[in-house]
Amino acid sequence: MGIADDAVEIRARGWRTLAALHGIIEAALEKDLGAQVGLSVVEYTLLDALSRQDGWHMRMAQLARATALSPSATTRLVNRLEDRGLLSRVLCDDDRRGIYTELTASGRELYERATPVHDETLKRVLSEAEQREELAPVVHLLQRLPSA
């Protein structure tokens, strides 16, 4: 293997490690959020994205980017959460063609109940992953990221 090949292999190994850690985290979050508050990871991600916006609302295209879903998958997700009374859609004041999705009071309340579950699960899983030699370097990198 040449130097260039070694660099590619190192990056590929790092990507595989990151993907493995992501899978472990997502599985634990899916289990805990589902069992304790009745949300999937992607549902929580959407509520979290909305909670970080002034006015608690976003356009559908912004939600698609925030959840890493296709526009059609985002629409289906919003429909499900709207049917549960967690979201509503409102017309944009300055562009009547634009539609915002925003959290309802029930959506905010569920998000506030889900956040400690999310945070505690994430903390626990990262702590466990840190004890695994193959995952520890990625966990250490994550811990060095600036907060907020």
Protein backbone atom coordinates (compact mmCIF):
# COMPACT_ATOMS: atom_id res chain seq x y z
CA MET A 1 0.00 0.00 0.00
CA GLY A 2 1.31 3.45 -0.85
CA ILE A 3 1.02 6.57 1.29
CA ALA A 4 -2.12 7.69 -0.52
CA ASP A 5 -3.68 4.27 0.02
CA ASP A 6 -2.83 4.41 3.72
CA ALA A 7 -4.53 7.80 4.04
CA VAL A 8 -7.66 6.50 2.34
CA GLU A 9 -7.73 3.46 4.61
CA ILE A 10 -7.33 5.64 7.72
CA ARG A 11 -10.22 7.85 6.62
CA ALA A 12 -12.33 4.81 5.74
CA ARG A 13 -11.62 3.25 9.13
CA GLY A 14 -12.60 6.50 10.82
CA TRP A 15 -15.82 6.64 8.83
CA ARG A 16 -16.68 3.02 9.71
CA THR A 17 -16.05 3.76 13.38
CA LEU A 18 -18.22 6.86 13.27
CA ALA A 19 -20.99 4.92 11.49
CA ALA A 20 -20.79 2.15 14.10
CA LEU A 21 -21.06 4.64 16.96
CA HIS A 22 -23.97 6.37 15.23
CA GLY A 23 -25.78 3.05 14.88
CA ILE A 24 -25.29 2.21 18.56
CA ILE A 25 -26.51 5.65 19.65
CA GLU A 26 -29.51 5.61 17.32
CA ALA A 27 -30.61 2.14 18.43
CA ALA A 28 -30.46 3.13 22.10
CA LEU A 29 -32.30 6.40 21.49
CA GLU A 30 -34.95 4.62 19.43
CA LYS A 31 -35.53 2.14 22.25
CA ASP A 32 -35.57 4.64 25.13
CA LEU A 33 -37.53 7.42 23.42
CA GLY A 34 -40.08 4.94 22.13
CA ALA A 35 -40.54 3.20 25.47
CA GLN A 36 -40.58 6.29 27.67
CA VAL A 37 -42.29 9.00 25.61
CA GLY A 38 -43.62 7.33 22.46
CA LEU A 39 -41.32 9.08 19.97
CA SER A 40 -38.97 7.75 17.33
CA VAL A 41 -35.52 9.27 16.90
CA VAL A 42 -36.54 11.12 13.74
CA GLU A 43 -39.70 12.44 15.42
CA TYR A 44 -37.59 13.74 18.30
CA THR A 45 -35.12 15.25 15.83
CA LEU A 46 -37.93 17.16 14.12
CA LEU A 47 -39.34 18.44 17.43
CA ASP A 48 -35.82 19.41 18.49
CA ALA A 49 -35.24 21.33 15.25
CA LEU A 50 -38.51 23.22 15.73
CA SER A 51 -37.75 23.94 19.38
CA ARG A 52 -34.56 25.76 18.39
CA GLN A 53 -36.35 28.27 16.15
CA ASP A 54 -37.77 31.63 17.13
CA GLY A 55 -41.52 31.16 17.04
CA TRP A 56 -41.08 27.37 17.11
CA HIS A 57 -41.71 27.05 13.35
CA MET A 58 -39.89 26.19 10.12
CA ARG A 59 -40.65 25.71 6.45
CA MET A 60 -40.90 22.15 5.19
CA ALA A 61 -37.64 22.39 3.18
CA GLN A 62 -35.80 23.47 6.35
CA LEU A 63 -37.30 20.53 8.25
CA ALA A 64 -36.20 18.14 5.52
CA ARG A 65 -32.61 19.38 5.88
CA ALA A 66 -32.75 19.28 9.68
CA THR A 67 -33.99 15.68 9.72
CA ALA A 68 -31.94 14.47 6.72
CA LEU A 69 -35.13 13.20 5.08
CA SER A 70 -36.46 13.57 1.57
CA PRO A 71 -39.24 16.11 1.06
CA SER A 72 -41.85 13.36 0.74
CA ALA A 73 -40.63 11.55 3.88
CA THR A 74 -40.66 14.87 5.73
CA THR A 75 -44.26 15.48 4.64
CA ARG A 76 -45.30 12.03 5.88
CA LEU A 77 -43.52 12.64 9.20
CA VAL A 78 -45.15 16.04 9.64
CA ASN A 79 -48.55 14.53 8.79
CA ARG A 80 -48.10 11.85 11.47
CA LEU A 81 -47.08 14.37 14.11
CA GLU A 82 -49.85 16.74 13.07
CA ASP A 83 -52.38 13.89 13.41
CA ARG A 84 -51.08 13.38 16.97
CA GLY A 85 -51.65 17.07 17.73
CA LEU A 86 -47.94 17.83 18.15
CA LEU A 87 -47.58 20.12 15.13
CA SER A 88 -49.70 22.49 13.11
CA ARG A 89 -49.20 24.18 9.77
CA VAL A 90 -49.66 27.90 9.28
CA LEU A 91 -49.40 30.19 6.29
CA CYS A 92 -46.34 32.41 6.11
CA ASP A 93 -47.32 36.05 6.77
CA ASP A 94 -45.00 37.50 4.14
CA ASP A 95 -45.44 34.78 1.47
CA ARG A 96 -48.90 33.22 1.26
CA ARG A 97 -47.48 30.34 -0.79
CA GLY A 98 -45.17 29.41 2.08
CA ILE A 99 -46.31 27.11 4.84
CA TYR A 100 -44.65 26.82 8.20
CA THR A 101 -44.80 23.86 10.51
CA GLU A 102 -44.81 24.76 14.17
CA LEU A 103 -45.00 23.03 17.51
CA THR A 104 -48.30 23.04 19.35
CA ALA A 105 -48.46 23.32 23.13
CA SER A 106 -48.72 19.49 23.25
CA GLY A 107 -45.67 19.22 21.00
CA ARG A 108 -43.65 21.52 23.25
CA GLU A 109 -44.72 19.58 26.34
CA LEU A 110 -43.77 16.23 24.80
CA TYR A 111 -40.45 17.63 23.60
CA GLU A 112 -39.70 18.88 27.12
CA ARG A 113 -40.47 15.42 28.54
CA ALA A 114 -38.41 13.69 25.84
CA THR A 115 -35.29 15.85 26.12
CA PRO A 116 -34.07 14.43 29.47
CA VAL A 117 -34.61 10.89 28.12
CA HIS A 118 -32.64 11.77 24.99
CA ASP A 119 -29.84 13.45 26.91
CA GLU A 120 -29.49 10.72 29.54
CA THR A 121 -29.48 7.98 26.89
CA LEU A 122 -26.86 9.82 24.87
CA LYS A 123 -24.70 10.34 27.96
CA ARG A 124 -24.99 6.67 28.96
CA VAL A 125 -24.25 5.31 25.49
CA LEU A 126 -21.26 7.59 24.97
CA SER A 127 -19.89 6.57 28.37
CA GLU A 128 -20.27 2.89 27.45
CA ALA A 129 -18.74 3.47 24.00
CA GLU A 130 -15.78 5.25 25.55
CA GLN A 131 -14.89 1.96 27.28
CA ARG A 132 -14.61 0.19 23.92
CA GLU A 133 -11.13 0.55 22.46
CA GLU A 134 -12.34 0.83 18.86
CA LEU A 135 -14.93 3.54 19.65
CA ALA A 136 -13.05 5.58 22.27
CA PRO A 137 -11.17 7.82 19.80
CA VAL A 138 -14.41 9.02 18.19
CA VAL A 139 -16.06 9.57 21.57
CA HIS A 140 -13.06 11.64 22.67
CA LEU A 141 -13.34 13.76 19.53
CA LEU A 142 -17.03 14.35 20.22
CA GLN A 143 -16.29 15.38 23.79
CA ARG A 144 -13.89 18.05 22.54
CA LEU A 145 -16.47 19.75 20.36
CA PRO A 146 -17.52 23.16 21.69
CA SER A 147 -20.93 23.18 23.34
CA ALA A 148 -23.73 25.38 22.05
